Amino acid sequence: MQTIKIGTVHYNAKSGAFEARVDVARNDRTFRYPCTVSGPASMDAPQVIAQLQRQALRMSDTPKLH
């Protein structure tokens, strides 16, 4: 089972993106990813959170070595 925890979300006006640290805990290990979501400052907060979570999960989903 995995748990996703999002740190404080900041809006970077210069780059036009939301930025946050996202921790993915899996199998007693925690992996931390710097994530960004492009969009206007008025973007819906739940949508930003969902995109941050998806990005972190894509980053943490590495293929298993054989």
PDB file of N, CA and C in Angstrom:
ATOM      1  N   MET A   1       0.840  -1.175   0.000  1.00  0.00           N
ATOM      2  CA  MET A   1       0.000   0.000   0.000  1.00  0.00           C
ATOM      3  C   MET A   1       0.887   1.240   0.000  1.00  0.00           C
ATOM      4  N   GLN A   2       0.383   2.300  -0.590  1.00  0.00           N
ATOM      5  CA  GLN A   2       1.146   3.537  -0.647  1.00  0.00           C
ATOM      6  C   GLN A   2       0.344   4.695  -0.075  1.00  0.00           C
ATOM      7  N   THR A   3       1.073   5.670   0.417  1.00  0.00           N
ATOM      8  CA  THR A   3       0.477   6.876   0.966  1.00  0.00           C
ATOM      9  C   THR A   3       1.132   8.065   0.276  1.00  0.00           C
ATOM     10  N   ILE A   4       0.335   9.067  -0.062  1.00  0.00           N
ATOM     11  CA  ILE A   4       0.848  10.260  -0.717  1.00  0.00           C
ATOM     12  C   ILE A   4       0.618  11.449   0.205  1.00  0.00           C
ATOM     13  N   LYS A   5       1.687  12.219   0.441  1.00  0.00           N
ATOM     14  CA  LYS A   5       1.598  13.397   1.289  1.00  0.00           C
ATOM     15  C   LYS A   5       2.167  14.588   0.528  1.00  0.00           C
ATOM     16  N   ILE A   6       1.379  15.650   0.437  1.00  0.00           N
ATOM     17  CA  ILE A   6       1.806  16.841  -0.292  1.00  0.00           C
ATOM     18  C   ILE A   6       2.223  17.908   0.706  1.00  0.00           C
ATOM     19  N   GLY A   7       3.425  18.456   0.490  1.00  0.00           N
ATOM     20  CA  GLY A   7       3.903  19.550   1.324  1.00  0.00           C
ATOM     21  C   GLY A   7       3.171  20.834   0.958  1.00  0.00           C
ATOM     22  N   THR A   8       3.639  21.941   1.476  1.00  0.00           N
ATOM     23  CA  THR A   8       3.028  23.234   1.193  1.00  0.00           C
ATOM     24  C   THR A   8       3.097  23.530  -0.306  1.00  0.00           C
ATOM     25  N   VAL A   9       1.960  23.927  -0.853  1.00  0.00           N
ATOM     26  CA  VAL A   9       1.881  24.257  -2.274  1.00  0.00           C
ATOM     27  C   VAL A   9       2.091  25.760  -2.434  1.00  0.00           C
ATOM     28  N   HIS A  10       3.037  26.122  -3.294  1.00  0.00           N
ATOM     29  CA  HIS A  10       3.336  27.527  -3.584  1.00  0.00           C
ATOM     30  C   HIS A  10       3.031  27.798  -5.049  1.00  0.00           C
ATOM     31  N   TYR A  11       2.597  29.037  -5.334  1.00  0.00           N
ATOM     32  CA  TYR A  11       2.422  29.429  -6.728  1.00  0.00           C
ATOM     33  C   TYR A  11       3.599  30.287  -7.137  1.00  0.00           C
ATOM     34  N   ASN A  12       4.290  29.892  -8.191  1.00  0.00           N
ATOM     35  CA  ASN A  12       5.419  30.629  -8.729  1.00  0.00           C
ATOM     36  C   ASN A  12       4.901  31.448  -9.913  1.00  0.00           C
ATOM     37  N   ALA A  13       4.677  32.740  -9.684  1.00  0.00           N
ATOM     38  CA  ALA A  13       4.106  33.604 -10.715  1.00  0.00           C
ATOM     39  C   ALA A  13       5.043  33.744 -11.914  1.00  0.00           C
ATOM     40  N   LYS A  14       6.339  33.702 -11.665  1.00  0.00           N
ATOM     41  CA  LYS A  14       7.309  33.859 -12.750  1.00  0.00           C
ATOM     42  C   LYS A  14       7.194  32.717 -13.766  1.00  0.00           C
ATOM     43  N   SER A  15       7.030  31.492 -13.263  1.00  0.00           N
ATOM     44  CA  SER A  15       6.919  30.341 -14.167  1.00  0.00           C
ATOM     45  C   SER A  15       5.467  29.966 -14.460  1.00  0.00           C
ATOM     46  N   GLY A  16       4.527  30.575 -13.742  1.00  0.00           N
ATOM     47  CA  GLY A  16       3.112  30.269 -13.961  1.00  0.00           C
ATOM     48  C   GLY A  16       2.762  28.849 -13.570  1.00  0.00           C
ATOM     49  N   ALA A  17       3.294  28.407 -12.417  1.00  0.00           N
ATOM     50  CA  ALA A  17       3.081  27.020 -12.005  1.00  0.00           C
ATOM     51  C   ALA A  17       3.005  26.891 -10.487  1.00  0.00           C
ATOM     52  N   PHE A  18       2.249  25.902 -10.059  1.00  0.00           N
ATOM     53  CA  PHE A  18       2.195  25.525  -8.647  1.00  0.00           C
ATOM     54  C   PHE A  18       3.347  24.569  -8.393  1.00  0.00           C
ATOM     55  N   GLU A  19       3.973  24.686  -7.227  1.00  0.00           N
ATOM     56  CA  GLU A  19       5.114  23.845  -6.880  1.00  0.00           C
ATOM     57  C   GLU A  19       4.905  23.262  -5.490  1.00  0.00           C
ATOM     58  N   ALA A  20       5.285  22.009  -5.343  1.00  0.00           N
ATOM     59  CA  ALA A  20       5.180  21.362  -4.029  1.00  0.00           C
ATOM     60  C   ALA A  20       6.089  20.150  -3.973  1.00  0.00           C
ATOM     61  N   ARG A  21       6.466  19.796  -2.764  1.00  0.00           N
ATOM     62  CA  ARG A  21       7.180  18.553  -2.511  1.00  0.00           C
ATOM     63  C   ARG A  21       6.095  17.501  -2.265  1.00  0.00           C
ATOM     64  N   VAL A  22       6.234  16.364  -2.910  1.00  0.00           N
ATOM     65  CA  VAL A  22       5.256  15.291  -2.729  1.00  0.00           C
ATOM     66  C   VAL A  22       5.994  14.038  -2.281  1.00  0.00           C
ATOM     67  N   ASP A  23       5.564  13.486  -1.145  1.00  0.00           N
ATOM     68  CA  ASP A  23       6.160  12.264  -0.612  1.00  0.00           C
ATOM     69  C   ASP A  23       5.262  11.076  -0.944  1.00  0.00           C
ATOM     70  N   VAL A  24       5.865  10.037  -1.467  1.00  0.00           N
ATOM     71  CA  VAL A  24       5.150   8.796  -1.741  1.00  0.00           C
ATOM     72  C   VAL A  24       5.770   7.735  -0.841  1.00  0.00           C
ATOM     73  N   ALA A  25       4.985   7.233   0.106  1.00  0.00           N
ATOM     74  CA  ALA A  25       5.448   6.197   1.032  1.00  0.00           C
ATOM     75  C   ALA A  25       4.951   4.845   0.520  1.00  0.00           C
ATOM     76  N   ARG A  26       5.905   3.930   0.365  1.00  0.00           N
ATOM     77  CA  ARG A  26       5.572   2.611  -0.172  1.00  0.00           C
ATOM     78  C   ARG A  26       6.542   1.593   0.415  1.00  0.00           C
ATOM     79  N   ASN A  27       6.016   0.491   0.922  1.00  0.00           N
ATOM     80  CA  ASN A  27       6.854  -0.595   1.461  1.00  0.00           C
ATOM     81  C   ASN A  27       7.875  -0.087   2.476  1.00  0.00           C
ATOM     82  N   ASP A  28       7.417   0.682   3.442  1.00  0.00           N
ATOM     83  CA  ASP A  28       8.266   1.200   4.522  1.00  0.00           C
ATOM     84  C   ASP A  28       9.373   2.141   4.046  1.00  0.00           C
ATOM     85  N   ARG A  29       9.243   2.692   2.863  1.00  0.00           N
ATOM     86  CA  ARG A  29      10.201   3.673   2.346  1.00  0.00           C
ATOM     87  C   ARG A  29       9.434   4.891   1.857  1.00  0.00           C
ATOM     88  N   THR A  30      10.053   6.062   1.967  1.00  0.00           N
ATOM     89  CA  THR A  30       9.429   7.292   1.484  1.00  0.00           C
ATOM     90  C   THR A  30      10.306   7.892   0.396  1.00  0.00           C
ATOM     91  N   PHE A  31       9.669   8.231  -0.697  1.00  0.00           N
ATOM     92  CA  PHE A  31      10.346   8.837  -1.839  1.00  0.00           C
ATOM     93  C   PHE A  31       9.789  10.246  -2.014  1.00  0.00           C
ATOM     94  N   ARG A  32      10.675  11.222  -2.129  1.00  0.00           N
ATOM     95  CA  ARG A  32      10.264  12.629  -2.206  1.00  0.00           C
ATOM     96  C   ARG A  32      10.520  13.159  -3.611  1.00  0.00           C
ATOM     97  N   TYR A  33       9.505  13.827  -4.165  1.00  0.00           N
ATOM     98  CA  TYR A  33       9.596  14.342  -5.524  1.00  0.00           C
ATOM     99  C   TYR A  33       9.217  15.821  -5.572  1.00  0.00           C
ATOM    100  N   PRO A  34      10.001  16.630  -6.290  1.00  0.00           N
ATOM    101  CA  PRO A  34       9.611  18.020  -6.514  1.00  0.00           C
ATOM    102  C   PRO A  34       8.656  18.042  -7.717  1.00  0.00           C
ATOM    103  N   CYS A  35       7.464  18.529  -7.513  1.00  0.00           N
ATOM    104  CA  CYS A  35       6.464  18.498  -8.577  1.00  0.00           C
ATOM    105  C   CYS A  35       5.981  19.901  -8.920  1.00  0.00           C
ATOM    106  N   THR A  36       5.589  20.076 -10.171  1.00  0.00           N
ATOM    107  CA  THR A  36       5.039  21.349 -10.628  1.00  0.00           C
ATOM    108  C   THR A  36       3.816  21.108 -11.495  1.00  0.00           C
ATOM    109  N   VAL A  37       2.865  22.023 -11.393  1.00  0.00           N
ATOM    110  CA  VAL A  37       1.655  21.968 -12.208  1.00  0.00           C
ATOM    111  C   VAL A  37       1.481  23.341 -12.831  1.00  0.00           C
ATOM    112  N   SER A  38       1.555  23.415 -14.145  1.00  0.00           N
ATOM    113  CA  SER A  38       1.370  24.680 -14.843  1.00  0.00           C
ATOM    114  C   SER A  38      -0.104  25.062 -14.854  1.00  0.00           C
ATOM    115  N   GLY A  39      -0.345  26.368 -14.710  1.00  0.00           N
ATOM    116  CA  GLY A  39      -1.716  26.853 -14.758  1.00  0.00           C
ATOM    117  C   GLY A  39      -1.827  28.218 -14.114  1.00  0.00           C
ATOM    118  N   PRO A  40      -2.989  28.838 -14.250  1.00  0.00           N
ATOM    119  CA  PRO A  40      -3.188  30.157 -13.658  1.00  0.00           C
ATOM    120  C   PRO A  40      -3.312  30.074 -12.138  1.00  0.00           C
ATOM    121  N   ALA A  41      -3.019  31.162 -11.466  1.00  0.00           N
ATOM    122  CA  ALA A  41      -3.110  31.206  -9.999  1.00  0.00           C
ATOM    123  C   ALA A  41      -4.526  30.905  -9.511  1.00  0.00           C
ATOM    124  N   SER A  42      -5.514  31.118 -10.364  1.00  0.00           N
ATOM    125  CA  SER A  42      -6.912  30.885  -9.993  1.00  0.00           C
ATOM    126  C   SER A  42      -7.349  29.429 -10.196  1.00  0.00           C
ATOM    127  N   MET A  43      -6.437  28.570 -10.574  1.00  0.00           N
ATOM    128  CA  MET A  43      -6.760  27.153 -10.834  1.00  0.00           C
ATOM    129  C   MET A  43      -7.382  26.517  -9.589  1.00  0.00           C
ATOM    130  N   ASP A  44      -8.344  25.657  -9.800  1.00  0.00           N
ATOM    131  CA  ASP A  44      -9.075  24.980  -8.729  1.00  0.00           C
ATOM    132  C   ASP A  44      -8.117  24.133  -7.880  1.00  0.00           C
ATOM    133  N   ALA A  45      -8.097  24.357  -6.564  1.00  0.00           N
ATOM    134  CA  ALA A  45      -7.168  23.675  -5.655  1.00  0.00           C
ATOM    135  C   ALA A  45      -7.244  22.147  -5.738  1.00  0.00           C
ATOM    136  N   PRO A  46      -8.442  21.538  -5.733  1.00  0.00           N
ATOM    137  CA  PRO A  46      -8.480  20.070  -5.848  1.00  0.00           C
ATOM    138  C   PRO A  46      -7.861  19.556  -7.149  1.00  0.00           C
ATOM    139  N   GLN A  47      -7.983  20.332  -8.217  1.00  0.00           N
ATOM    140  CA  GLN A  47      -7.384  19.933  -9.493  1.00  0.00           C
ATOM    141  C   GLN A  47      -5.852  20.001  -9.396  1.00  0.00           C
ATOM    142  N   VAL A  48      -5.340  21.035  -8.743  1.00  0.00           N
ATOM    143  CA  VAL A  48      -3.887  21.160  -8.549  1.00  0.00           C
ATOM    144  C   VAL A  48      -3.367  19.973  -7.744  1.00  0.00           C
ATOM    145  N   ILE A  49      -4.048  19.663  -6.650  1.00  0.00           N
ATOM    146  CA  ILE A  49      -3.631  18.549  -5.779  1.00  0.00           C
ATOM    147  C   ILE A  49      -3.634  17.236  -6.552  1.00  0.00           C
ATOM    148  N   ALA A  50      -4.690  16.991  -7.309  1.00  0.00           N
ATOM    149  CA  ALA A  50      -4.791  15.743  -8.075  1.00  0.00           C
ATOM    150  C   ALA A  50      -3.654  15.637  -9.088  1.00  0.00           C
ATOM    151  N   GLN A  51      -3.324  16.740  -9.746  1.00  0.00           N
ATOM    152  CA  GLN A  51      -2.248  16.705 -10.734  1.00  0.00           C
ATOM    153  C   GLN A  51      -0.884  16.516 -10.070  1.00  0.00           C
ATOM    154  N   LEU A  52      -0.688  17.128  -8.904  1.00  0.00           N
ATOM    155  CA  LEU A  52       0.564  16.916  -8.170  1.00  0.00           C
ATOM    156  C   LEU A  52       0.717  15.446  -7.781  1.00  0.00           C
ATOM    157  N   GLN A  53      -0.368  14.852  -7.310  1.00  0.00           N
ATOM    158  CA  GLN A  53      -0.339  13.436  -6.925  1.00  0.00           C
ATOM    159  C   GLN A  53      -0.025  12.553  -8.125  1.00  0.00           C
ATOM    160  N   ARG A  54      -0.689  12.799  -9.246  1.00  0.00           N
ATOM    161  CA  ARG A  54      -0.452  11.990 -10.446  1.00  0.00           C
ATOM    162  C   ARG A  54       0.998  12.113 -10.920  1.00  0.00           C
ATOM    163  N   GLN A  55       1.515  13.336 -10.882  1.00  0.00           N
ATOM    164  CA  GLN A  55       2.900  13.531 -11.317  1.00  0.00           C
ATOM    165  C   GLN A  55       3.875  12.761 -10.420  1.00  0.00           C
ATOM    166  N   ALA A  56       3.680  12.836  -9.115  1.00  0.00           N
ATOM    167  CA  ALA A  56       4.564  12.117  -8.194  1.00  0.00           C
ATOM    168  C   ALA A  56       4.470  10.611  -8.406  1.00  0.00           C
ATOM    169  N   LEU A  57       3.280  10.108  -8.626  1.00  0.00           N
ATOM    170  CA  LEU A  57       3.122   8.668  -8.852  1.00  0.00           C
ATOM    171  C   LEU A  57       3.793   8.232 -10.148  1.00  0.00           C
ATOM    172  N   ARG A  58       3.699   9.062 -11.189  1.00  0.00           N
ATOM    173  CA  ARG A  58       4.401   8.738 -12.445  1.00  0.00           C
ATOM    174  C   ARG A  58       5.907   8.725 -12.219  1.00  0.00           C
ATOM    175  N   MET A  59       6.396   9.677 -11.446  1.00  0.00           N
ATOM    176  CA  MET A  59       7.834   9.751 -11.177  1.00  0.00           C
ATOM    177  C   MET A  59       8.300   8.556 -10.335  1.00  0.00           C
ATOM    178  N   SER A  60       7.439   8.068  -9.463  1.00  0.00           N
ATOM    179  CA  SER A  60       7.847   6.973  -8.579  1.00  0.00           C
ATOM    180  C   SER A  60       7.608   5.602  -9.189  1.00  0.00           C
ATOM    181  N   ASP A  61       6.932   5.543 -10.292  1.00  0.00           N
ATOM    182  CA  ASP A  61       6.591   4.262 -10.914  1.00  0.00           C
ATOM    183  C   ASP A  61       7.701   3.828 -11.871  1.00  0.00           C
ATOM    184  N   THR A  62       8.824   3.409 -11.289  1.00  0.00           N
ATOM    185  CA  THR A  62       9.953   2.954 -12.101  1.00  0.00           C
ATOM    186  C   THR A  62       9.829   1.450 -12.345  1.00  0.00           C
ATOM    187  N   PRO A  63      10.261   1.001 -13.494  1.00  0.00           N
ATOM    188  CA  PRO A  63      10.184  -0.443 -13.773  1.00  0.00           C
ATOM    189  C   PRO A  63      11.089  -1.235 -12.836  1.00  0.00           C
ATOM    190  N   LYS A  64      10.646  -2.435 -12.526  1.00  0.00           N
ATOM    191  CA  LYS A  64      11.428  -3.316 -11.648  1.00  0.00           C
ATOM    192  C   LYS A  64      12.600  -3.911 -12.437  1.00  0.00           C
ATOM    193  N   LEU A  65      13.722  -4.004 -11.779  1.00  0.00           N
ATOM    194  CA  LEU A  65      14.888  -4.632 -12.410  1.00  0.00           C
ATOM    195  C   LEU A  65      14.795  -6.140 -12.259  1.00  0.00           C
ATOM    196  N   HIS A  66      15.197  -6.879 -13.277  1.00  0.00           N
ATOM    197  CA  HIS A  66      15.143  -8.336 -13.234  1.00  0.00           C
ATOM    198  C   HIS A  66      16.489  -8.911 -12.927  1.00  0.00           C
TER     199      HIS A  66
END
